[in-house]
Amino acid sequence: MSKYRILCLLLLLLFSYSGNSQYKRETEKRIKPSQFPENSLELIAPQLTDVKRLRYYREQDSSKVSYELKFKKGRMFYSVEFSEDGQLEDIELLVKEVDIPGDSWESMQQYFKDNFTKFRIKKIQQQYPLLPGSTPQKTIRNAFQNLLIPELNYEVIVSGKQEKTYSEYEILFDASGNFISKRTSIPAPYAHIIY
């Protein structure tokens, strides 16, 4: 009986430990415009003139459901994310290393060197989150003017080696290049058999 209790206790500890770690299991499904929250489209409509490659997505994360618009406007690739009820969450635009201020990029590089034996950057997005006390219109204006404001974040997707294994991570930095959070990306399960 005591062996059974010890086993249960060990399993409980194992599951509680793994539940606290930050993992990202995200699935994205393309949807029709009619399935997208209408209030979201009304909010972002003025910015959708002269866009190319407009796509609508429903995103299921490990903790929430959201909707995302992806498009190209001018030379920039945008991703506008809304909550399940259609409220603006953030706007991201694809950037390159040269678009990040030098000091901020150096801080990020130092983080990568300190935390990975090897790493490769796969994607960088400049993120304009909707902050408490701010309005969606202000966030939209800042993002589409591509302003380098102190409230923006950088979301970096990196493939990094730790302890002899490679994993993909989503790492969030503030405008100064200071680390905010890290989530391990878990590949989506295959719905078919690969031969």
N, C-alpha and C. Protein backbone atom coordinates (compact mmCIF):
# COMPACT_ATOMS: atom_id res chain seq x y z
N MET A 1 0.81 -1.19 0.00
CA MET A 1 0.00 0.00 0.00
C MET A 1 0.85 1.26 0.00
N SER A 2 1.97 1.24 0.68
CA SER A 2 2.83 2.42 0.73
C SER A 2 3.50 2.67 -0.62
N LYS A 3 3.79 1.59 -1.35
CA LYS A 3 4.37 1.76 -2.69
C LYS A 3 3.37 2.47 -3.61
N TYR A 4 2.10 2.15 -3.46
CA TYR A 4 1.06 2.78 -4.25
C TYR A 4 0.96 4.28 -3.93
N ARG A 5 1.04 4.62 -2.67
CA ARG A 5 0.99 6.03 -2.26
C ARG A 5 2.20 6.80 -2.78
N ILE A 6 3.36 6.19 -2.70
CA ILE A 6 4.58 6.84 -3.19
C ILE A 6 4.47 7.07 -4.70
N LEU A 7 3.98 6.06 -5.42
CA LEU A 7 3.83 6.19 -6.87
C LEU A 7 2.84 7.32 -7.20
N CYS A 8 1.72 7.37 -6.49
CA CYS A 8 0.73 8.43 -6.71
C CYS A 8 1.33 9.81 -6.42
N LEU A 9 2.08 9.90 -5.34
CA LEU A 9 2.71 11.16 -4.99
C LEU A 9 3.71 11.60 -6.06
N LEU A 10 4.52 10.66 -6.54
CA LEU A 10 5.48 10.98 -7.60
C LEU A 10 4.78 11.43 -8.88
N LEU A 11 3.71 10.74 -9.25
CA LEU A 11 2.97 11.14 -10.44
C LEU A 11 2.33 12.52 -10.26
N LEU A 12 1.80 12.77 -9.10
CA LEU A 12 1.21 14.07 -8.81
C LEU A 12 2.25 15.19 -8.92
N LEU A 13 3.42 14.96 -8.35
CA LEU A 13 4.50 15.96 -8.45
C LEU A 13 4.95 16.15 -9.89
N LEU A 14 5.06 15.08 -10.63
CA LEU A 14 5.48 15.16 -12.03
C LEU A 14 4.49 15.98 -12.84
N PHE A 15 3.20 15.70 -12.69
CA PHE A 15 2.19 16.43 -13.45
C PHE A 15 2.07 17.87 -13.01
N SER A 16 2.22 18.15 -11.74
CA SER A 16 2.14 19.54 -11.29
C SER A 16 3.34 20.34 -11.78
N TYR A 17 4.50 19.71 -11.87
CA TYR A 17 5.69 20.40 -12.37
C TYR A 17 5.53 20.70 -13.86
N SER A 18 5.08 19.71 -14.64
CA SER A 18 4.95 19.94 -16.08
C SER A 18 3.83 20.91 -16.40
N GLY A 19 2.83 21.03 -15.52
CA GLY A 19 1.74 21.96 -15.75
C GLY A 19 2.16 23.40 -15.57
N ASN A 20 3.21 23.67 -14.80
CA ASN A 20 3.65 25.04 -14.56
C ASN A 20 4.60 25.55 -15.63
N SER A 21 5.18 24.66 -16.41
CA SER A 21 6.12 25.12 -17.42
C SER A 21 5.36 25.73 -18.60
N GLN A 22 6.02 26.56 -19.36
CA GLN A 22 5.37 27.28 -20.43
C GLN A 22 5.61 26.58 -21.76
N TYR A 23 4.54 26.00 -22.29
CA TYR A 23 4.60 25.35 -23.58
C TYR A 23 3.59 25.99 -24.50
N LYS A 24 3.92 25.99 -25.78
CA LYS A 24 3.04 26.59 -26.76
C LYS A 24 2.64 25.52 -27.77
N ARG A 25 1.40 25.12 -27.70
CA ARG A 25 0.85 24.21 -28.71
C ARG A 25 -0.24 24.99 -29.41
N GLU A 26 0.05 25.37 -30.64
CA GLU A 26 -0.84 26.28 -31.35
C GLU A 26 -1.25 25.66 -32.67
N THR A 27 -2.54 25.71 -32.95
CA THR A 27 -3.02 25.27 -34.26
C THR A 27 -3.77 26.42 -34.89
N GLU A 28 -3.53 26.61 -36.15
CA GLU A 28 -4.12 27.70 -36.90
C GLU A 28 -4.94 27.10 -38.03
N LYS A 29 -6.17 27.55 -38.16
CA LYS A 29 -7.04 27.04 -39.21
C LYS A 29 -7.59 28.21 -40.00
N ARG A 30 -7.44 28.14 -41.29
CA ARG A 30 -7.96 29.21 -42.14
C ARG A 30 -9.49 29.13 -42.16
N ILE A 31 -10.12 30.30 -42.06
CA ILE A 31 -11.58 30.36 -42.03
C ILE A 31 -12.08 31.34 -43.08
N LYS A 32 -13.39 31.35 -43.27
CA LYS A 32 -14.02 32.29 -44.20
C LYS A 32 -14.20 33.63 -43.50
N PRO A 33 -14.24 34.72 -44.26
CA PRO A 33 -14.46 36.05 -43.64
C PRO A 33 -15.75 36.10 -42.82
N SER A 34 -16.77 35.36 -43.23
CA SER A 34 -18.04 35.36 -42.51
C SER A 34 -17.93 34.72 -41.12
N GLN A 35 -16.88 33.93 -40.89
CA GLN A 35 -16.67 33.28 -39.59
C GLN A 35 -15.84 34.14 -38.64
N PHE A 36 -15.33 35.25 -39.13
CA PHE A 36 -14.49 36.15 -38.34
C PHE A 36 -15.39 37.10 -37.55
N PRO A 37 -15.03 37.46 -36.31
CA PRO A 37 -15.87 38.38 -35.53
C PRO A 37 -16.10 39.70 -36.26
N GLU A 38 -17.35 40.06 -36.42
CA GLU A 38 -17.71 41.24 -37.21
C GLU A 38 -17.17 42.54 -36.60
N ASN A 39 -17.21 42.65 -35.26
CA ASN A 39 -16.72 43.89 -34.63
C ASN A 39 -15.22 44.07 -34.86
N SER A 40 -14.48 42.98 -35.02
CA SER A 40 -13.05 43.06 -35.31
C SER A 40 -12.82 43.64 -36.70
N LEU A 41 -13.59 43.17 -37.65
CA LEU A 41 -13.44 43.66 -39.02
C LEU A 41 -13.79 45.14 -39.13
N GLU A 42 -14.80 45.57 -38.39
CA GLU A 42 -15.17 46.98 -38.40
C GLU A 42 -14.05 47.85 -37.84
N LEU A 43 -13.37 47.37 -36.80
CA LEU A 43 -12.29 48.13 -36.18
C LEU A 43 -11.09 48.29 -37.11
N ILE A 44 -10.73 47.22 -37.82
CA ILE A 44 -9.51 47.23 -38.63
C ILE A 44 -9.78 47.61 -40.10
N ALA A 45 -11.04 47.73 -40.50
CA ALA A 45 -11.40 48.00 -41.89
C ALA A 45 -10.66 49.17 -42.53
N PRO A 46 -10.49 50.32 -41.85
CA PRO A 46 -9.79 51.43 -42.50
C PRO A 46 -8.35 51.10 -42.92
N GLN A 47 -7.74 50.12 -42.25
CA GLN A 47 -6.35 49.74 -42.57
C GLN A 47 -6.27 48.70 -43.68
N LEU A 48 -7.39 48.17 -44.10
CA LEU A 48 -7.39 47.08 -45.07
C LEU A 48 -7.46 47.53 -46.52
N THR A 49 -7.30 48.83 -46.76
CA THR A 49 -7.26 49.31 -48.14
C THR A 49 -5.89 49.00 -48.72
N ASP A 50 -5.87 48.60 -49.96
CA ASP A 50 -4.64 48.28 -50.69
C ASP A 50 -3.82 47.17 -50.04
N VAL A 51 -4.47 46.20 -49.44
CA VAL A 51 -3.73 45.07 -48.87
C VAL A 51 -3.71 43.91 -49.86
N LYS A 52 -2.72 43.07 -49.71
CA LYS A 52 -2.60 41.87 -50.54
C LYS A 52 -2.52 40.67 -49.60
N ARG A 53 -2.87 39.52 -50.13
CA ARG A 53 -2.78 38.25 -49.39
C ARG A 53 -3.56 38.27 -48.08
N LEU A 54 -4.74 38.83 -48.08
CA LEU A 54 -5.57 38.90 -46.87
C LEU A 54 -6.09 37.51 -46.54
N ARG A 55 -5.79 37.05 -45.34
CA ARG A 55 -6.19 35.71 -44.88
C ARG A 55 -6.81 35.82 -43.49
N TYR A 56 -7.79 34.98 -43.23
CA TYR A 56 -8.51 34.95 -41.96
C TYR A 56 -8.22 33.61 -41.28
N TYR A 57 -7.89 33.66 -39.98
CA TYR A 57 -7.54 32.44 -39.25
C TYR A 57 -8.23 32.39 -37.90
N ARG A 58 -8.51 31.16 -37.47
CA ARG A 58 -8.95 30.89 -36.10
C ARG A 58 -7.79 30.13 -35.47
N GLU A 59 -7.32 30.63 -34.35
CA GLU A 59 -6.13 30.08 -33.71
C GLU A 59 -6.51 29.46 -32.37
N GLN A 60 -6.12 28.23 -32.17
CA GLN A 60 -6.37 27.53 -30.90
C GLN A 60 -5.01 27.34 -30.23
N ASP A 61 -4.80 28.04 -29.13
CA ASP A 61 -3.57 27.94 -28.37
C ASP A 61 -3.81 26.93 -27.25
N SER A 62 -2.79 26.64 -26.48
CA SER A 62 -2.95 25.71 -25.37
C SER A 62 -3.86 26.29 -24.28
N SER A 63 -4.08 27.60 -24.31
CA SER A 63 -4.90 28.20 -23.26
C SER A 63 -6.07 29.05 -23.74
N LYS A 64 -6.16 29.36 -25.05
CA LYS A 64 -7.22 30.26 -25.50
C LYS A 64 -7.51 30.09 -27.00
N VAL A 65 -8.61 30.70 -27.40
CA VAL A 65 -9.00 30.77 -28.81
C VAL A 65 -8.91 32.22 -29.23
N SER A 66 -8.35 32.46 -30.41
CA SER A 66 -8.30 33.83 -30.91
C SER A 66 -8.47 33.81 -32.43
N TYR A 67 -8.64 35.00 -32.98
CA TYR A 67 -8.78 35.16 -34.43
C TYR A 67 -7.67 36.06 -34.92
N GLU A 68 -7.21 35.76 -36.13
CA GLU A 68 -6.07 36.50 -36.63
C GLU A 68 -6.25 36.83 -38.11
N LEU A 69 -5.95 38.07 -38.45
CA LEU A 69 -5.91 38.53 -39.84
C LEU A 69 -4.44 38.61 -40.23
N LYS A 70 -4.10 38.08 -41.39
CA LYS A 70 -2.74 38.20 -41.90
C LYS A 70 -2.81 38.80 -43.29
N PHE A 71 -1.93 39.76 -43.56
CA PHE A 71 -1.93 40.41 -44.86
C PHE A 71 -0.62 41.15 -45.09
N LYS A 72 -0.46 41.55 -46.34
CA LYS A 72 0.71 42.36 -46.71
C LYS A 72 0.18 43.73 -47.12
N LYS A 73 0.78 44.76 -46.56
CA LYS A 73 0.42 46.14 -46.91
C LYS A 73 1.71 46.87 -47.20
N GLY A 74 1.83 47.36 -48.42
CA GLY A 74 3.10 47.95 -48.83
C GLY A 74 4.15 46.85 -48.86
N ARG A 75 5.22 47.04 -48.14
CA ARG A 75 6.28 46.03 -48.07
C ARG A 75 6.26 45.25 -46.76
N MET A 76 5.27 45.53 -45.91
CA MET A 76 5.23 44.94 -44.57
C MET A 76 4.19 43.81 -44.50
N PHE A 77 4.55 42.78 -43.73
CA PHE A 77 3.63 41.68 -43.46
C PHE A 77 3.07 41.86 -42.05
N TYR A 78 1.74 41.92 -41.95
CA TYR A 78 1.06 42.18 -40.68
C TYR A 78 0.28 40.97 -40.21
N SER A 79 0.13 40.90 -38.90
CA SER A 79 -0.71 39.91 -38.26
C SER A 79 -1.46 40.65 -37.15
N VAL A 80 -2.79 40.68 -37.25
CA VAL A 80 -3.61 41.39 -36.27
C VAL A 80 -4.43 40.34 -35.52
N GLU A 81 -4.23 40.27 -34.20
CA GLU A 81 -4.87 39.23 -33.39
C GLU A 81 -5.97 39.82 -32.51
N PHE A 82 -7.10 39.08 -32.50
CA PHE A 82 -8.27 39.47 -31.73
C PHE A 82 -8.65 38.34 -30.79
N SER A 83 -9.27 38.69 -29.68
CA SER A 83 -9.75 37.68 -28.74
C SER A 83 -10.98 36.98 -29.34
N GLU A 84 -11.46 35.99 -28.63
CA GLU A 84 -12.60 35.22 -29.12
C GLU A 84 -13.85 36.09 -29.27
N ASP A 85 -13.96 37.13 -28.44
CA ASP A 85 -15.12 38.01 -28.54
C ASP A 85 -14.86 39.23 -29.43
N GLY A 86 -13.72 39.24 -30.15
CA GLY A 86 -13.46 40.28 -31.14
C GLY A 86 -12.71 41.49 -30.65
N GLN A 87 -12.14 41.45 -29.46
CA GLN A 87 -11.37 42.58 -28.93
C GLN A 87 -9.92 42.49 -29.42
N LEU A 88 -9.36 43.62 -29.80
CA LEU A 88 -7.97 43.66 -30.26
C LEU A 88 -7.03 43.21 -29.15
N GLU A 89 -6.10 42.29 -29.48
CA GLU A 89 -5.08 41.85 -28.51
C GLU A 89 -3.72 42.45 -28.85
N ASP A 90 -3.30 42.27 -30.10
CA ASP A 90 -2.02 42.85 -30.51
C ASP A 90 -1.92 42.89 -32.03
N ILE A 91 -0.94 43.65 -32.49
CA ILE A 91 -0.62 43.73 -33.91
C ILE A 91 0.87 43.43 -34.03
N GLU A 92 1.20 42.52 -34.94
CA GLU A 92 2.60 42.16 -35.15
C GLU A 92 2.97 42.41 -36.59
N LEU A 93 4.21 42.83 -36.80
CA LEU A 93 4.71 42.94 -38.15
C LEU A 93 6.07 42.28 -38.24
N LEU A 94 6.30 41.64 -39.35
CA LEU A 94 7.53 40.90 -39.57
C LEU A 94 8.68 41.88 -39.78
N VAL A 95 9.76 41.70 -39.03
CA VAL A 95 10.94 42.57 -39.17
C VAL A 95 12.19 41.71 -39.28
N LYS A 96 13.28 42.36 -39.62
CA LYS A 96 14.58 41.70 -39.68
C LYS A 96 15.48 42.27 -38.59
N GLU A 97 16.60 41.62 -38.38
CA GLU A 97 17.53 42.04 -37.33
C GLU A 97 17.94 43.51 -37.49
N VAL A 98 18.12 43.95 -38.72
CA VAL A 98 18.57 45.33 -38.96
C VAL A 98 17.52 46.36 -38.59
N ASP A 99 16.26 45.94 -38.44
CA ASP A 99 15.19 46.87 -38.09
C ASP A 99 15.11 47.14 -36.59
N ILE A 100 15.86 46.37 -35.79
CA ILE A 100 15.85 46.50 -34.34
C ILE A 100 16.99 47.42 -33.92
N PRO A 101 16.74 48.37 -33.02
CA PRO A 101 17.83 49.24 -32.56
C PRO A 101 19.02 48.43 -32.03
N GLY A 102 20.21 48.92 -32.28
CA GLY A 102 21.45 48.20 -31.97
C GLY A 102 21.57 47.68 -30.55
N ASP A 103 21.31 48.53 -29.56
CA ASP A 103 21.44 48.12 -28.16
C ASP A 103 20.45 47.02 -27.80
N SER A 104 19.23 47.14 -28.32
CA SER A 104 18.21 46.12 -28.05
C SER A 104 18.63 44.79 -28.67
N TRP A 105 19.12 44.83 -29.89
CA TRP A 105 19.53 43.60 -30.57
C TRP A 105 20.71 42.95 -29.84
N GLU A 106 21.64 43.75 -29.36
CA GLU A 106 22.78 43.20 -28.62
C GLU A 106 22.33 42.50 -27.34
N SER A 107 21.34 43.08 -26.65
CA SER A 107 20.80 42.44 -25.44
C SER A 107 20.16 41.09 -25.77
N MET A 108 19.42 41.06 -26.87
CA MET A 108 18.79 39.80 -27.29
C MET A 108 19.84 38.75 -27.65
N GLN A 109 20.84 39.18 -28.40
CA GLN A 109 21.92 38.26 -28.79
C GLN A 109 22.61 37.69 -27.55
N GLN A 110 22.83 38.53 -26.55
CA GLN A 110 23.48 38.07 -25.32
C GLN A 110 22.61 37.03 -24.61
N TYR A 111 21.30 37.25 -24.61
CA TYR A 111 20.39 36.27 -24.02
C TYR A 111 20.52 34.92 -24.74
N PHE A 112 20.54 34.95 -26.07
CA PHE A 112 20.66 33.70 -26.84
C PHE A 112 21.98 32.99 -26.53
N LYS A 113 23.06 33.74 -26.46
CA LYS A 113 24.37 33.15 -26.18
C LYS A 113 24.43 32.57 -24.77
N ASP A 114 23.77 33.22 -23.82
CA ASP A 114 23.78 32.74 -22.43
C ASP A 114 22.90 31.51 -22.22
N ASN A 115 21.88 31.33 -23.05
CA ASN A 115 20.89 30.28 -22.82
C ASN A 115 20.92 29.13 -23.81
N PHE A 116 21.66 29.23 -24.89
CA PHE A 116 21.72 28.17 -25.88
C PHE A 116 23.17 27.91 -26.27
N THR A 117 23.50 26.64 -26.48
CA THR A 117 24.84 26.33 -26.98
C THR A 117 24.95 26.65 -28.46
N LYS A 118 23.84 26.46 -29.19
CA LYS A 118 23.72 26.86 -30.59
C LYS A 118 22.31 27.38 -30.78
N PHE A 119 22.14 28.32 -31.71
CA PHE A 119 20.79 28.83 -31.98
C PHE A 119 20.72 29.37 -33.40
N ARG A 120 19.48 29.37 -33.91
CA ARG A 120 19.21 29.94 -35.23
C ARG A 120 17.88 30.67 -35.15
N ILE A 121 17.89 31.92 -35.55
CA ILE A 121 16.68 32.74 -35.51
C ILE A 121 15.85 32.43 -36.74
N LYS A 122 14.58 32.08 -36.52
CA LYS A 122 13.70 31.72 -37.62
C LYS A 122 12.79 32.87 -38.04
N LYS A 123 12.34 33.67 -37.06
CA LYS A 123 11.42 34.76 -37.38
C LYS A 123 11.45 35.79 -36.26
N ILE A 124 11.32 37.07 -36.63
CA ILE A 124 11.23 38.16 -35.65
C ILE A 124 10.00 38.98 -36.00
N GLN A 125 9.18 39.23 -34.97
CA GLN A 125 8.01 40.08 -35.16
C GLN A 125 8.05 41.22 -34.14
N GLN A 126 7.75 42.41 -34.64
CA GLN A 126 7.62 43.57 -33.77
C GLN A 126 6.17 43.59 -33.32
N GLN A 127 5.94 43.59 -32.02
CA GLN A 127 4.59 43.40 -31.47
C GLN A 127 4.11 44.67 -30.76
N TYR A 128 2.91 45.09 -31.13
CA TYR A 128 2.26 46.22 -30.49
C TYR A 128 1.06 45.69 -29.71
N PRO A 129 1.23 45.39 -28.42
CA PRO A 129 0.10 44.87 -27.63
C PRO A 129 -0.85 45.99 -27.23
N LEU A 130 -2.12 45.63 -27.07
CA LEU A 130 -3.08 46.59 -26.53
C LEU A 130 -2.87 46.64 -25.03
N LEU A 131 -2.37 47.76 -24.54
CA LEU A 131 -2.04 47.90 -23.13
C LEU A 131 -3.22 48.42 -22.33
N PRO A 132 -3.30 48.09 -21.04
CA PRO A 132 -4.36 48.66 -20.19
C PRO A 132 -4.28 50.18 -20.21
N GLY A 133 -5.42 50.81 -20.37
CA GLY A 133 -5.45 52.27 -20.41
C GLY A 133 -5.28 52.85 -21.80
N SER A 134 -4.91 52.02 -22.77
CA SER A 134 -4.76 52.48 -24.14
C SER A 134 -6.02 52.13 -24.93
N THR A 135 -6.13 52.70 -26.11
CA THR A 135 -7.29 52.40 -26.96
C THR A 135 -6.85 51.55 -28.15
N PRO A 136 -7.76 50.76 -28.70
CA PRO A 136 -7.41 49.99 -29.90
C PRO A 136 -6.97 50.90 -31.05
N GLN A 137 -7.61 52.05 -31.18
CA GLN A 137 -7.26 52.97 -32.27
C GLN A 137 -5.82 53.46 -32.15
N LYS A 138 -5.38 53.75 -30.93
CA LYS A 138 -3.99 54.20 -30.71
C LYS A 138 -3.01 53.08 -31.04
N THR A 139 -3.32 51.86 -30.63
CA THR A 139 -2.45 50.72 -30.94
C THR A 139 -2.37 50.51 -32.45
N ILE A 140 -3.49 50.61 -33.13
CA ILE A 140 -3.52 50.45 -34.59
C ILE A 140 -2.69 51.54 -35.25
N ARG A 141 -2.87 52.77 -34.81
CA ARG A 141 -2.11 53.90 -35.39
C ARG A 141 -0.60 53.69 -35.20
N ASN A 142 -0.18 53.32 -33.99
CA ASN A 142 1.24 53.10 -33.71
C ASN A 142 1.82 51.98 -34.58
N ALA A 143 1.06 50.90 -34.72
CA ALA A 143 1.56 49.75 -35.48
C ALA A 143 1.67 50.07 -36.97
N PHE A 144 0.67 50.72 -37.52
CA PHE A 144 0.69 50.98 -38.96
C PHE A 144 1.59 52.15 -39.34
N GLN A 145 2.03 52.93 -38.35
CA GLN A 145 3.06 53.94 -38.60
C GLN A 145 4.43 53.37 -38.30
N ASN A 146 4.47 52.12 -37.80
CA ASN A 146 5.70 51.42 -37.48
C ASN A 146 6.57 52.24 -36.52
N LEU A 147 5.95 52.77 -35.47
CA LEU A 147 6.66 53.61 -34.51
C LEU A 147 7.47 52.75 -33.54
N LEU A 148 8.68 53.17 -33.25
CA LEU A 148 9.52 52.49 -32.26
C LEU A 148 9.24 53.14 -30.90
N ILE A 149 8.23 52.63 -30.24
CA ILE A 149 7.80 53.17 -28.95
C ILE A 149 8.25 52.24 -27.83
N PRO A 150 8.39 52.76 -26.61
CA PRO A 150 8.86 51.93 -25.49
C PRO A 150 7.92 50.78 -25.13
N GLU A 151 6.66 50.85 -25.56
CA GLU A 151 5.68 49.82 -25.20
C GLU A 151 5.70 48.61 -26.13
N LEU A 152 6.45 48.68 -27.22
CA LEU A 152 6.43 47.54 -28.14
C LEU A 152 7.28 46.40 -27.61
N ASN A 153 7.03 45.21 -28.14
CA ASN A 153 7.79 44.00 -27.81
C ASN A 153 8.34 43.39 -29.08
N TYR A 154 9.30 42.51 -28.92
CA TYR A 154 9.81 41.73 -30.02
C TYR A 154 9.58 40.26 -29.71
N GLU A 155 8.91 39.57 -30.63
CA GLU A 155 8.66 38.14 -30.48
C GLU A 155 9.61 37.43 -31.44
N VAL A 156 10.50 36.63 -30.88
CA VAL A 156 11.52 35.96 -31.68
C VAL A 156 11.29 34.46 -31.63
N ILE A 157 11.17 33.85 -32.80
CA ILE A 157 11.07 32.40 -32.90
C ILE A 157 12.49 31.91 -33.18
N VAL A 158 13.00 31.07 -32.28
CA VAL A 158 14.38 30.61 -32.39
C VAL A 158 14.44 29.11 -32.20
N SER A 159 15.30 28.48 -32.99
CA SER A 159 15.60 27.07 -32.79
C SER A 159 16.90 27.04 -32.00
N GLY A 160 16.83 26.50 -30.79
CA GLY A 160 17.99 26.55 -29.92
C GLY A 160 18.35 25.20 -29.35
N LYS A 161 19.64 25.02 -29.09
CA LYS A 161 20.13 23.77 -28.52
C LYS A 161 20.42 23.97 -27.04
N GLN A 162 19.78 23.13 -26.24
CA GLN A 162 20.01 23.10 -24.80
C GLN A 162 20.14 21.64 -24.40
N GLU A 163 21.19 21.32 -23.65
CA GLU A 163 21.38 19.96 -23.15
C GLU A 163 21.28 18.91 -24.27
N LYS A 164 21.98 19.09 -25.34
CA LYS A 164 22.11 18.14 -26.45
C LYS A 164 20.88 17.98 -27.32
N THR A 165 19.82 18.74 -27.08
CA THR A 165 18.64 18.63 -27.94
C THR A 165 18.22 20.01 -28.44
N TYR A 166 17.69 20.01 -29.66
CA TYR A 166 17.16 21.24 -30.24
C TYR A 166 15.67 21.32 -29.98
N SER A 167 15.20 22.50 -29.70
CA SER A 167 13.77 22.78 -29.58
C SER A 167 13.51 24.14 -30.20
N GLU A 168 12.24 24.37 -30.50
CA GLU A 168 11.86 25.67 -31.02
C GLU A 168 11.20 26.46 -29.90
N TYR A 169 11.58 27.72 -29.77
CA TYR A 169 11.09 28.57 -28.68
C TYR A 169 10.50 29.85 -29.24
N GLU A 170 9.51 30.37 -28.53
CA GLU A 170 8.97 31.69 -28.80
C GLU A 170 9.40 32.56 -27.62
N ILE A 171 10.28 33.51 -27.87
CA ILE A 171 10.85 34.33 -26.80
C ILE A 171 10.40 35.77 -26.99
N LEU A 172 9.92 36.37 -25.91
CA LEU A 172 9.41 37.72 -25.95
C LEU A 172 10.38 38.66 -25.22
N PHE A 173 10.73 39.75 -25.90
CA PHE A 173 11.62 40.79 -25.34
C PHE A 173 10.88 42.12 -25.37
N ASP A 174 11.26 43.03 -24.47
CA ASP A 174 10.68 44.37 -24.53
C ASP A 174 11.46 45.21 -25.54
N ALA A 175 11.09 46.48 -25.68
CA ALA A 175 11.70 47.36 -26.68
C ALA A 175 13.19 47.56 -26.45
N SER A 176 13.65 47.40 -25.19
CA SER A 176 15.07 47.58 -24.88
C SER A 176 15.86 46.28 -25.04
N GLY A 177 15.18 45.20 -25.38
CA GLY A 177 15.87 43.93 -25.55
C GLY A 177 15.92 43.10 -24.28
N ASN A 178 15.18 43.49 -23.25
CA ASN A 178 15.14 42.73 -21.99
C ASN A 178 14.18 41.55 -22.11
N PHE A 179 14.61 40.41 -21.61
CA PHE A 179 13.80 39.19 -21.65
C PHE A 179 12.51 39.37 -20.86
N ILE A 180 11.38 38.91 -21.46
CA ILE A 180 10.09 38.92 -20.77
C ILE A 180 9.63 37.50 -20.50
N SER A 181 9.56 36.66 -21.55
CA SER A 181 9.07 35.30 -21.36
C SER A 181 9.59 34.38 -22.46
N LYS A 182 9.49 33.08 -22.18
CA LYS A 182 9.90 32.06 -23.16
C LYS A 182 8.91 30.92 -23.11
N ARG A 183 8.47 30.48 -24.29
CA ARG A 183 7.59 29.32 -24.38
C ARG A 183 8.19 28.33 -25.37
N THR A 184 8.16 27.07 -25.01
CA THR A 184 8.63 26.02 -25.90
C THR A 184 7.51 25.67 -26.86
N SER A 185 7.80 25.69 -28.15
CA SER A 185 6.79 25.34 -29.14
C SER A 185 6.74 23.83 -29.28
N ILE A 186 5.55 23.29 -29.18
CA ILE A 186 5.35 21.86 -29.35
C ILE A 186 4.73 21.65 -30.72
N PRO A 187 5.35 20.81 -31.56
CA PRO A 187 4.78 20.61 -32.90
C PRO A 187 3.37 20.04 -32.81
N ALA A 188 2.53 20.46 -33.73
CA ALA A 188 1.16 19.96 -33.77
C ALA A 188 1.17 18.48 -34.13
N PRO A 189 0.30 17.69 -33.50
CA PRO A 189 0.26 16.27 -33.83
C PRO A 189 -0.25 16.06 -35.25
N TYR A 190 0.28 15.06 -35.89
CA TYR A 190 -0.15 14.75 -37.26
C TYR A 190 -1.47 14.00 -37.22
N ALA A 191 -2.38 14.38 -38.08
CA ALA A 191 -3.66 13.70 -38.16
C ALA A 191 -3.60 12.55 -39.18
N HIS A 192 -2.44 12.35 -39.74
CA HIS A 192 -2.28 11.26 -40.71
C HIS A 192 -0.96 10.55 -40.44
N ILE A 193 -0.80 9.42 -41.06
CA ILE A 193 0.41 8.61 -40.86
C ILE A 193 1.42 8.98 -41.93
N ILE A 194 2.65 9.18 -41.52
CA ILE A 194 3.72 9.50 -42.47
C ILE A 194 4.50 8.22 -42.73
N TYR A 195 4.63 7.87 -43.99
CA TYR A 195 5.40 6.66 -44.35
C TYR A 195 6.76 7.02 -44.85
